[in-house]
Amino acid sequence: MIISLLFVIFLSDIKTMTIKEYFSVILGVLKDFRVIGTLIVMILVIEFAKFVTTYKKKPAKPKGKKAPKAAPAPKEEKKDDKGGDAAADAGNDKK
């Protein structure tokens, strides 16, 4: 963009051009769709390059040590004095 402006200015006849003509040439160059498109593409490329160069992966969060699972409470079995089933003992009481 700057090179094209300098090219226009250096190739033009400085003695015959007025300030208004310079501004019209400069605005014509700046309004050109190729200049605007190139500018947008270059900004995107520069921003992407900056993102890539400054990218730092977030450190993994340290996982806290898991507490060991408590052993399940032992189930209490119902034991009779005679060591049999409660239903079987109920039938034997009739004697």
PDB file of N, CA and C in Angstrom:
ATOM      1  N   MET A   1       0.836  -1.172   0.000  1.00  0.00           N
ATOM      2  CA  MET A   1       0.000   0.000   0.000  1.00  0.00           C
ATOM      3  C   MET A   1       0.890   1.248   0.000  1.00  0.00           C
ATOM      4  N   ILE A   2       1.839   1.276   0.879  1.00  0.00           N
ATOM      5  CA  ILE A   2       2.739   2.434   0.944  1.00  0.00           C
ATOM      6  C   ILE A   2       3.590   2.504  -0.320  1.00  0.00           C
ATOM      7  N   ILE A   3       3.977   1.337  -0.798  1.00  0.00           N
ATOM      8  CA  ILE A   3       4.792   1.312  -2.014  1.00  0.00           C
ATOM      9  C   ILE A   3       4.005   1.859  -3.197  1.00  0.00           C
ATOM     10  N   SER A   4       2.733   1.502  -3.283  1.00  0.00           N
ATOM     11  CA  SER A   4       1.928   2.007  -4.396  1.00  0.00           C
ATOM     12  C   SER A   4       1.747   3.522  -4.289  1.00  0.00           C
ATOM     13  N   LEU A   5       1.604   4.029  -3.059  1.00  0.00           N
ATOM     14  CA  LEU A   5       1.496   5.483  -2.893  1.00  0.00           C
ATOM     15  C   LEU A   5       2.787   6.182  -3.314  1.00  0.00           C
ATOM     16  N   LEU A   6       3.910   5.627  -2.886  1.00  0.00           N
ATOM     17  CA  LEU A   6       5.191   6.215  -3.263  1.00  0.00           C
ATOM     18  C   LEU A   6       5.408   6.124  -4.759  1.00  0.00           C
ATOM     19  N   PHE A   7       4.987   5.019  -5.355  1.00  0.00           N
ATOM     20  CA  PHE A   7       5.134   4.845  -6.796  1.00  0.00           C
ATOM     21  C   PHE A   7       4.357   5.919  -7.545  1.00  0.00           C
ATOM     22  N   VAL A   8       3.134   6.176  -7.111  1.00  0.00           N
ATOM     23  CA  VAL A   8       2.307   7.199  -7.764  1.00  0.00           C
ATOM     24  C   VAL A   8       2.923   8.582  -7.576  1.00  0.00           C
ATOM     25  N   ILE A   9       3.402   8.847  -6.386  1.00  0.00           N
ATOM     26  CA  ILE A   9       3.949  10.181  -6.105  1.00  0.00           C
ATOM     27  C   ILE A   9       5.241  10.413  -6.883  1.00  0.00           C
ATOM     28  N   PHE A  10       6.133   9.427  -6.924  1.00  0.00           N
ATOM     29  CA  PHE A  10       7.413   9.619  -7.608  1.00  0.00           C
ATOM     30  C   PHE A  10       7.267   9.657  -9.122  1.00  0.00           C
ATOM     31  N   LEU A  11       6.309   8.944  -9.659  1.00  0.00           N
ATOM     32  CA  LEU A  11       6.148   8.944 -11.104  1.00  0.00           C
ATOM     33  C   LEU A  11       5.335  10.133 -11.604  1.00  0.00           C
ATOM     34  N   SER A  12       4.638  10.784 -10.715  1.00  0.00           N
ATOM     35  CA  SER A  12       3.846  11.928 -11.144  1.00  0.00           C
ATOM     36  C   SER A  12       4.740  13.158 -11.279  1.00  0.00           C
ATOM     37  N   ASP A  13       4.273  14.057 -12.054  1.00  0.00           N
ATOM     38  CA  ASP A  13       5.000  15.293 -12.253  1.00  0.00           C
ATOM     39  C   ASP A  13       4.694  16.201 -11.076  1.00  0.00           C
ATOM     40  N   ILE A  14       5.658  16.373 -10.207  1.00  0.00           N
ATOM     41  CA  ILE A  14       5.457  17.115  -8.965  1.00  0.00           C
ATOM     42  C   ILE A  14       5.137  18.583  -9.252  1.00  0.00           C
ATOM     43  N   LYS A  15       5.693  19.137 -10.292  1.00  0.00           N
ATOM     44  CA  LYS A  15       5.496  20.560 -10.555  1.00  0.00           C
ATOM     45  C   LYS A  15       4.087  20.882 -11.009  1.00  0.00           C
ATOM     46  N   THR A  16       3.416  19.947 -11.652  1.00  0.00           N
ATOM     47  CA  THR A  16       2.095  20.268 -12.198  1.00  0.00           C
ATOM     48  C   THR A  16       0.952  19.772 -11.316  1.00  0.00           C
ATOM     49  N   MET A  17       1.229  18.891 -10.356  1.00  0.00           N
ATOM     50  CA  MET A  17       0.146  18.376  -9.508  1.00  0.00           C
ATOM     51  C   MET A  17      -0.049  19.278  -8.294  1.00  0.00           C
ATOM     52  N   THR A  18      -1.297  19.481  -7.964  1.00  0.00           N
ATOM     53  CA  THR A  18      -1.619  20.256  -6.767  1.00  0.00           C
ATOM     54  C   THR A  18      -1.891  19.299  -5.611  1.00  0.00           C
ATOM     55  N   ILE A  19      -2.063  19.885  -4.444  1.00  0.00           N
ATOM     56  CA  ILE A  19      -2.334  19.079  -3.249  1.00  0.00           C
ATOM     57  C   ILE A  19      -3.646  18.311  -3.419  1.00  0.00           C
ATOM     58  N   LYS A  20      -4.653  18.938  -3.981  1.00  0.00           N
ATOM     59  CA  LYS A  20      -5.943  18.278  -4.184  1.00  0.00           C
ATOM     60  C   LYS A  20      -5.788  17.065  -5.097  1.00  0.00           C
ATOM     61  N   GLU A  21      -4.965  17.181  -6.106  1.00  0.00           N
ATOM     62  CA  GLU A  21      -4.753  16.039  -7.006  1.00  0.00           C
ATOM     63  C   GLU A  21      -4.014  14.903  -6.290  1.00  0.00           C
ATOM     64  N   TYR A  22      -3.079  15.265  -5.422  1.00  0.00           N
ATOM     65  CA  TYR A  22      -2.385  14.232  -4.634  1.00  0.00           C
ATOM     66  C   TYR A  22      -3.376  13.474  -3.762  1.00  0.00           C
ATOM     67  N   PHE A  23      -4.242  14.220  -3.062  1.00  0.00           N
ATOM     68  CA  PHE A  23      -5.221  13.573  -2.192  1.00  0.00           C
ATOM     69  C   PHE A  23      -6.197  12.704  -2.988  1.00  0.00           C
ATOM     70  N   SER A  24      -6.586  13.141  -4.165  1.00  0.00           N
ATOM     71  CA  SER A  24      -7.495  12.334  -4.975  1.00  0.00           C
ATOM     72  C   SER A  24      -6.818  11.026  -5.411  1.00  0.00           C
ATOM     73  N   VAL A  25      -5.526  11.099  -5.732  1.00  0.00           N
ATOM     74  CA  VAL A  25      -4.796   9.892  -6.121  1.00  0.00           C
ATOM     75  C   VAL A  25      -4.649   8.962  -4.905  1.00  0.00           C
ATOM     76  N   ILE A  26      -4.297   9.537  -3.774  1.00  0.00           N
ATOM     77  CA  ILE A  26      -4.117   8.736  -2.560  1.00  0.00           C
ATOM     78  C   ILE A  26      -5.444   8.088  -2.158  1.00  0.00           C
ATOM     79  N   LEU A  27      -6.541   8.830  -2.182  1.00  0.00           N
ATOM     80  CA  LEU A  27      -7.844   8.259  -1.840  1.00  0.00           C
ATOM     81  C   LEU A  27      -8.259   7.195  -2.849  1.00  0.00           C
ATOM     82  N   GLY A  28      -7.919   7.409  -4.111  1.00  0.00           N
ATOM     83  CA  GLY A  28      -8.230   6.401  -5.125  1.00  0.00           C
ATOM     84  C   GLY A  28      -7.500   5.094  -4.853  1.00  0.00           C
ATOM     85  N   VAL A  29      -6.260   5.180  -4.416  1.00  0.00           N
ATOM     86  CA  VAL A  29      -5.483   3.983  -4.102  1.00  0.00           C
ATOM     87  C   VAL A  29      -6.044   3.314  -2.857  1.00  0.00           C
ATOM     88  N   LEU A  30      -6.350   4.105  -1.839  1.00  0.00           N
ATOM     89  CA  LEU A  30      -6.835   3.529  -0.587  1.00  0.00           C
ATOM     90  C   LEU A  30      -8.231   2.914  -0.717  1.00  0.00           C
ATOM     91  N   LYS A  31      -9.051   3.416  -1.627  1.00  0.00           N
ATOM     92  CA  LYS A  31     -10.398   2.898  -1.812  1.00  0.00           C
ATOM     93  C   LYS A  31     -10.452   1.701  -2.762  1.00  0.00           C
ATOM     94  N   ASP A  32      -9.350   1.355  -3.350  1.00  0.00           N
ATOM     95  CA  ASP A  32      -9.323   0.226  -4.285  1.00  0.00           C
ATOM     96  C   ASP A  32      -9.603  -1.075  -3.532  1.00  0.00           C
ATOM     97  N   PHE A  33     -10.453  -1.936  -4.118  1.00  0.00           N
ATOM     98  CA  PHE A  33     -10.849  -3.165  -3.436  1.00  0.00           C
ATOM     99  C   PHE A  33      -9.666  -4.118  -3.251  1.00  0.00           C
ATOM    100  N   ARG A  34      -8.690  -4.069  -4.130  1.00  0.00           N
ATOM    101  CA  ARG A  34      -7.520  -4.945  -3.984  1.00  0.00           C
ATOM    102  C   ARG A  34      -6.670  -4.529  -2.789  1.00  0.00           C
ATOM    103  N   VAL A  35      -6.558  -3.245  -2.549  1.00  0.00           N
ATOM    104  CA  VAL A  35      -5.791  -2.754  -1.407  1.00  0.00           C
ATOM    105  C   VAL A  35      -6.517  -3.105  -0.107  1.00  0.00           C
ATOM    106  N   ILE A  36      -7.828  -2.906  -0.081  1.00  0.00           N
ATOM    107  CA  ILE A  36      -8.611  -3.204   1.112  1.00  0.00           C
ATOM    108  C   ILE A  36      -8.581  -4.706   1.402  1.00  0.00           C
ATOM    109  N   GLY A  37      -8.753  -5.537   0.373  1.00  0.00           N
ATOM    110  CA  GLY A  37      -8.712  -6.988   0.552  1.00  0.00           C
ATOM    111  C   GLY A  37      -7.355  -7.463   1.037  1.00  0.00           C
ATOM    112  N   THR A  38      -6.288  -6.915   0.458  1.00  0.00           N
ATOM    113  CA  THR A  38      -4.943  -7.286   0.892  1.00  0.00           C
ATOM    114  C   THR A  38      -4.707  -6.877   2.335  1.00  0.00           C
ATOM    115  N   LEU A  39      -5.177  -5.721   2.706  1.00  0.00           N
ATOM    116  CA  LEU A  39      -5.028  -5.246   4.080  1.00  0.00           C
ATOM    117  C   LEU A  39      -5.752  -6.167   5.069  1.00  0.00           C
ATOM    118  N   ILE A  40      -6.969  -6.571   4.728  1.00  0.00           N
ATOM    119  CA  ILE A  40      -7.728  -7.459   5.613  1.00  0.00           C
ATOM    120  C   ILE A  40      -7.045  -8.817   5.748  1.00  0.00           C
ATOM    121  N   VAL A  41      -6.588  -9.365   4.633  1.00  0.00           N
ATOM    122  CA  VAL A  41      -5.907 -10.660   4.675  1.00  0.00           C
ATOM    123  C   VAL A  41      -4.622 -10.573   5.490  1.00  0.00           C
ATOM    124  N   MET A  42      -3.872  -9.527   5.319  1.00  0.00           N
ATOM    125  CA  MET A  42      -2.612  -9.381   6.060  1.00  0.00           C
ATOM    126  C   MET A  42      -2.868  -9.217   7.563  1.00  0.00           C
ATOM    127  N   ILE A  43      -3.893  -8.494   7.925  1.00  0.00           N
ATOM    128  CA  ILE A  43      -4.223  -8.358   9.350  1.00  0.00           C
ATOM    129  C   ILE A  43      -4.582  -9.712   9.937  1.00  0.00           C
ATOM    130  N   LEU A  44      -5.367 -10.509   9.206  1.00  0.00           N
ATOM    131  CA  LEU A  44      -5.724 -11.843   9.695  1.00  0.00           C
ATOM    132  C   LEU A  44      -4.499 -12.739   9.828  1.00  0.00           C
ATOM    133  N   VAL A  45      -3.601 -12.685   8.860  1.00  0.00           N
ATOM    134  CA  VAL A  45      -2.388 -13.509   8.908  1.00  0.00           C
ATOM    135  C   VAL A  45      -1.510 -13.096  10.083  1.00  0.00           C
ATOM    136  N   ILE A  46      -1.356 -11.807  10.286  1.00  0.00           N
ATOM    137  CA  ILE A  46      -0.514 -11.314  11.388  1.00  0.00           C
ATOM    138  C   ILE A  46      -1.122 -11.689  12.736  1.00  0.00           C
ATOM    139  N   GLU A  47      -2.434 -11.552  12.873  1.00  0.00           N
ATOM    140  CA  GLU A  47      -3.089 -11.915  14.134  1.00  0.00           C
ATOM    141  C   GLU A  47      -2.977 -13.412  14.403  1.00  0.00           C
ATOM    142  N   PHE A  48      -3.116 -14.235  13.364  1.00  0.00           N
ATOM    143  CA  PHE A  48      -2.977 -15.673  13.546  1.00  0.00           C
ATOM    144  C   PHE A  48      -1.547 -16.035  13.939  1.00  0.00           C
ATOM    145  N   ALA A  49      -0.571 -15.391  13.303  1.00  0.00           N
ATOM    146  CA  ALA A  49       0.826 -15.660  13.648  1.00  0.00           C
ATOM    147  C   ALA A  49       1.114 -15.240  15.089  1.00  0.00           C
ATOM    148  N   LYS A  50       0.559 -14.126  15.513  1.00  0.00           N
ATOM    149  CA  LYS A  50       0.747 -13.677  16.890  1.00  0.00           C
ATOM    150  C   LYS A  50       0.106 -14.654  17.872  1.00  0.00           C
ATOM    151  N   PHE A  51      -1.074 -15.166  17.516  1.00  0.00           N
ATOM    152  CA  PHE A  51      -1.749 -16.143  18.365  1.00  0.00           C
ATOM    153  C   PHE A  51      -0.914 -17.418  18.496  1.00  0.00           C
ATOM    154  N   VAL A  52      -0.367 -17.882  17.385  1.00  0.00           N
ATOM    155  CA  VAL A  52       0.411 -19.120  17.403  1.00  0.00           C
ATOM    156  C   VAL A  52       1.691 -18.939  18.208  1.00  0.00           C
ATOM    157  N   THR A  53       2.349 -17.806  18.074  1.00  0.00           N
ATOM    158  CA  THR A  53       3.617 -17.610  18.766  1.00  0.00           C
ATOM    159  C   THR A  53       3.433 -17.388  20.267  1.00  0.00           C
ATOM    160  N   THR A  54       2.281 -16.861  20.671  1.00  0.00           N
ATOM    161  CA  THR A  54       2.078 -16.592  22.099  1.00  0.00           C
ATOM    162  C   THR A  54       1.213 -17.637  22.779  1.00  0.00           C
ATOM    163  N   TYR A  55       0.794 -18.673  22.051  1.00  0.00           N
ATOM    164  CA  TYR A  55      -0.097 -19.688  22.617  1.00  0.00           C
ATOM    165  C   TYR A  55       0.646 -20.526  23.637  1.00  0.00           C
ATOM    166  N   LYS A  56       0.040 -20.666  24.792  1.00  0.00           N
ATOM    167  CA  LYS A  56       0.583 -21.532  25.833  1.00  0.00           C
ATOM    168  C   LYS A  56      -0.543 -22.432  26.292  1.00  0.00           C
ATOM    169  N   LYS A  57      -0.278 -23.719  26.273  1.00  0.00           N
ATOM    170  CA  LYS A  57      -1.290 -24.677  26.691  1.00  0.00           C
ATOM    171  C   LYS A  57      -1.485 -24.551  28.195  1.00  0.00           C
ATOM    172  N   LYS A  58      -2.725 -24.573  28.604  1.00  0.00           N
ATOM    173  CA  LYS A  58      -3.022 -24.467  30.023  1.00  0.00           C
ATOM    174  C   LYS A  58      -2.488 -25.709  30.730  1.00  0.00           C
ATOM    175  N   PRO A  59      -1.834 -25.519  31.859  1.00  0.00           N
ATOM    176  CA  PRO A  59      -1.328 -26.697  32.573  1.00  0.00           C
ATOM    177  C   PRO A  59      -2.486 -27.543  33.086  1.00  0.00           C
ATOM    178  N   ALA A  60      -2.262 -28.839  33.091  1.00  0.00           N
ATOM    179  CA  ALA A  60      -3.300 -29.737  33.567  1.00  0.00           C
ATOM    180  C   ALA A  60      -3.531 -29.517  35.058  1.00  0.00           C
ATOM    181  N   LYS A  61      -4.772 -29.537  35.429  1.00  0.00           N
ATOM    182  CA  LYS A  61      -5.090 -29.348  36.839  1.00  0.00           C
ATOM    183  C   LYS A  61      -4.710 -30.619  37.585  1.00  0.00           C
ATOM    184  N   PRO A  62      -3.922 -30.484  38.636  1.00  0.00           N
ATOM    185  CA  PRO A  62      -3.553 -31.694  39.376  1.00  0.00           C
ATOM    186  C   PRO A  62      -4.781 -32.266  40.085  1.00  0.00           C
ATOM    187  N   LYS A  63      -4.958 -33.547  39.882  1.00  0.00           N
ATOM    188  CA  LYS A  63      -6.096 -34.193  40.522  1.00  0.00           C
ATOM    189  C   LYS A  63      -5.702 -34.559  41.939  1.00  0.00           C
ATOM    190  N   GLY A  64      -6.564 -34.219  42.859  1.00  0.00           N
ATOM    191  CA  GLY A  64      -6.299 -34.542  44.259  1.00  0.00           C
ATOM    192  C   GLY A  64      -6.329 -36.054  44.452  1.00  0.00           C
ATOM    193  N   LYS A  65      -5.531 -36.524  45.374  1.00  0.00           N
ATOM    194  CA  LYS A  65      -5.509 -37.954  45.634  1.00  0.00           C
ATOM    195  C   LYS A  65      -6.862 -38.369  46.202  1.00  0.00           C
ATOM    196  N   LYS A  66      -7.383 -39.415  45.612  1.00  0.00           N
ATOM    197  CA  LYS A  66      -8.665 -39.892  46.082  1.00  0.00           C
ATOM    198  C   LYS A  66      -8.451 -40.670  47.370  1.00  0.00           C
ATOM    199  N   ALA A  67      -9.316 -40.418  48.312  1.00  0.00           N
ATOM    200  CA  ALA A  67      -9.240 -41.150  49.576  1.00  0.00           C
ATOM    201  C   ALA A  67      -9.664 -42.593  49.305  1.00  0.00           C
ATOM    202  N   PRO A  68      -8.985 -43.540  49.927  1.00  0.00           N
ATOM    203  CA  PRO A  68      -9.380 -44.927  49.692  1.00  0.00           C
ATOM    204  C   PRO A  68     -10.799 -45.157  50.202  1.00  0.00           C
ATOM    205  N   LYS A  69     -11.519 -45.980  49.456  1.00  0.00           N
ATOM    206  CA  LYS A  69     -12.905 -46.233  49.840  1.00  0.00           C
ATOM    207  C   LYS A  69     -12.924 -47.010  51.143  1.00  0.00           C
ATOM    208  N   ALA A  70     -13.788 -46.585  52.012  1.00  0.00           N
ATOM    209  CA  ALA A  70     -13.926 -47.278  53.295  1.00  0.00           C
ATOM    210  C   ALA A  70     -14.547 -48.648  53.037  1.00  0.00           C
ATOM    211  N   ALA A  71     -14.063 -49.644  53.724  1.00  0.00           N
ATOM    212  CA  ALA A  71     -14.603 -50.983  53.572  1.00  0.00           C
ATOM    213  C   ALA A  71     -16.055 -50.974  54.026  1.00  0.00           C
ATOM    214  N   PRO A  72     -16.920 -51.658  53.289  1.00  0.00           N
ATOM    215  CA  PRO A  72     -18.330 -51.651  53.702  1.00  0.00           C
ATOM    216  C   PRO A  72     -18.492 -52.325  55.059  1.00  0.00           C
ATOM    217  N   ALA A  73     -19.408 -51.811  55.815  1.00  0.00           N
ATOM    218  CA  ALA A  73     -19.641 -52.362  57.154  1.00  0.00           C
ATOM    219  C   ALA A  73     -20.097 -53.808  57.020  1.00  0.00           C
ATOM    220  N   PRO A  74     -19.533 -54.688  57.828  1.00  0.00           N
ATOM    221  CA  PRO A  74     -19.946 -56.106  57.723  1.00  0.00           C
ATOM    222  C   PRO A  74     -21.402 -56.260  58.137  1.00  0.00           C
ATOM    223  N   LYS A  75     -22.102 -57.092  57.365  1.00  0.00           N
ATOM    224  CA  LYS A  75     -23.517 -57.310  57.655  1.00  0.00           C
ATOM    225  C   LYS A  75     -23.630 -58.254  58.849  1.00  0.00           C
ATOM    226  N   GLU A  76     -24.482 -57.888  59.751  1.00  0.00           N
ATOM    227  CA  GLU A  76     -24.687 -58.727  60.933  1.00  0.00           C
ATOM    228  C   GLU A  76     -25.718 -59.794  60.596  1.00  0.00           C
ATOM    229  N   GLU A  77     -25.317 -61.025  60.742  1.00  0.00           N
ATOM    230  CA  GLU A  77     -26.237 -62.120  60.477  1.00  0.00           C
ATOM    231  C   GLU A  77     -27.007 -62.435  61.754  1.00  0.00           C
ATOM    232  N   LYS A  78     -28.256 -62.743  61.593  1.00  0.00           N
ATOM    233  CA  LYS A  78     -29.071 -63.096  62.752  1.00  0.00           C
ATOM    234  C   LYS A  78     -28.794 -64.556  63.087  1.00  0.00           C
ATOM    235  N   LYS A  79     -28.246 -64.770  64.236  1.00  0.00           N
ATOM    236  CA  LYS A  79     -27.958 -66.138  64.679  1.00  0.00           C
ATOM    237  C   LYS A  79     -28.820 -66.452  65.896  1.00  0.00           C
ATOM    238  N   ASP A  80     -29.409 -67.579  65.831  1.00  0.00           N
ATOM    239  CA  ASP A  80     -30.199 -68.031  66.982  1.00  0.00           C
ATOM    240  C   ASP A  80     -29.296 -68.841  67.893  1.00  0.00           C
ATOM    241  N   ASP A  81     -29.813 -69.108  69.072  1.00  0.00           N
ATOM    242  CA  ASP A  81     -29.043 -69.915  70.018  1.00  0.00           C
ATOM    243  C   ASP A  81     -28.842 -71.332  69.507  1.00  0.00           C
ATOM    244  N   LYS A  82     -29.804 -71.798  68.766  1.00  0.00           N
ATOM    245  CA  LYS A  82     -29.731 -73.158  68.264  1.00  0.00           C
ATOM    246  C   LYS A  82     -28.998 -73.222  66.938  1.00  0.00           C
ATOM    247  N   GLY A  83     -28.792 -72.117  66.304  1.00  0.00           N
ATOM    248  CA  GLY A  83     -28.032 -72.059  65.069  1.00  0.00           C
ATOM    249  C   GLY A  83     -28.869 -72.351  63.841  1.00  0.00           C
ATOM    250  N   GLY A  84     -30.188 -72.372  63.921  1.00  0.00           N
ATOM    251  CA  GLY A  84     -31.025 -72.644  62.763  1.00  0.00           C
ATOM    252  C   GLY A  84     -31.765 -71.411  62.316  1.00  0.00           C
ATOM    253  N   ASP A  85     -32.640 -71.617  61.356  1.00  0.00           N
ATOM    254  CA  ASP A  85     -33.455 -70.514  60.867  1.00  0.00           C
ATOM    255  C   ASP A  85     -34.498 -70.134  61.899  1.00  0.00           C
ATOM    256  N   ALA A  86     -34.909 -68.890  61.864  1.00  0.00           N
ATOM    257  CA  ALA A  86     -35.947 -68.447  62.790  1.00  0.00           C
ATOM    258  C   ALA A  86     -37.274 -69.079  62.418  1.00  0.00           C
ATOM    259  N   ALA A  87     -37.550 -69.300  61.158  1.00  0.00           N
ATOM    260  CA  ALA A  87     -38.811 -69.898  60.713  1.00  0.00           C
ATOM    261  C   ALA A  87     -38.837 -71.374  61.097  1.00  0.00           C
ATOM    262  N   ALA A  88     -37.727 -72.039  60.980  1.00  0.00           N
ATOM    263  CA  ALA A  88     -37.662 -73.451  61.323  1.00  0.00           C
ATOM    264  C   ALA A  88     -37.802 -73.616  62.836  1.00  0.00           C
ATOM    265  N   ASP A  89     -37.263 -72.688  63.573  1.00  0.00           N
ATOM    266  CA  ASP A  89     -37.365 -72.760  65.031  1.00  0.00           C
ATOM    267  C   ASP A  89     -38.807 -72.530  65.486  1.00  0.00           C
ATOM    268  N   ALA A  90     -39.546 -71.723  64.768  1.00  0.00           N
ATOM    269  CA  ALA A  90     -40.917 -71.457  65.145  1.00  0.00           C
ATOM    270  C   ALA A  90     -41.747 -72.725  65.012  1.00  0.00           C
ATOM    271  N   GLY A  91     -41.459 -73.553  64.041  1.00  0.00           N
ATOM    272  CA  GLY A  91     -42.194 -74.793  63.847  1.00  0.00           C
ATOM    273  C   GLY A  91     -41.841 -75.840  64.885  1.00  0.00           C
ATOM    274  N   ASN A  92     -40.665 -75.782  65.456  1.00  0.00           N
ATOM    275  CA  ASN A  92     -40.215 -76.749  66.414  1.00  0.00           C
ATOM    276  C   ASN A  92     -40.701 -76.436  67.831  1.00  0.00           C
ATOM    277  N   ASP A  93     -41.227 -75.257  68.052  1.00  0.00           N
ATOM    278  CA  ASP A  93     -41.655 -74.862  69.384  1.00  0.00           C
ATOM    279  C   ASP A  93     -42.947 -75.588  69.811  1.00  0.00           C
ATOM    280  N   LYS A  94     -43.674 -76.168  68.919  1.00  0.00           N
ATOM    281  CA  LYS A  94     -44.964 -76.787  69.235  1.00  0.00           C
ATOM    282  C   LYS A  94     -44.795 -78.100  70.013  1.00  0.00           C
ATOM    283  N   LYS A  95     -43.698 -78.698  70.073  1.00  0.00           N
ATOM    284  CA  LYS A  95     -43.490 -79.965  70.762  1.00  0.00           C
ATOM    285  C   LYS A  95     -43.775 -79.829  72.173  1.00  0.00           C
TER     286      LYS A  95
END
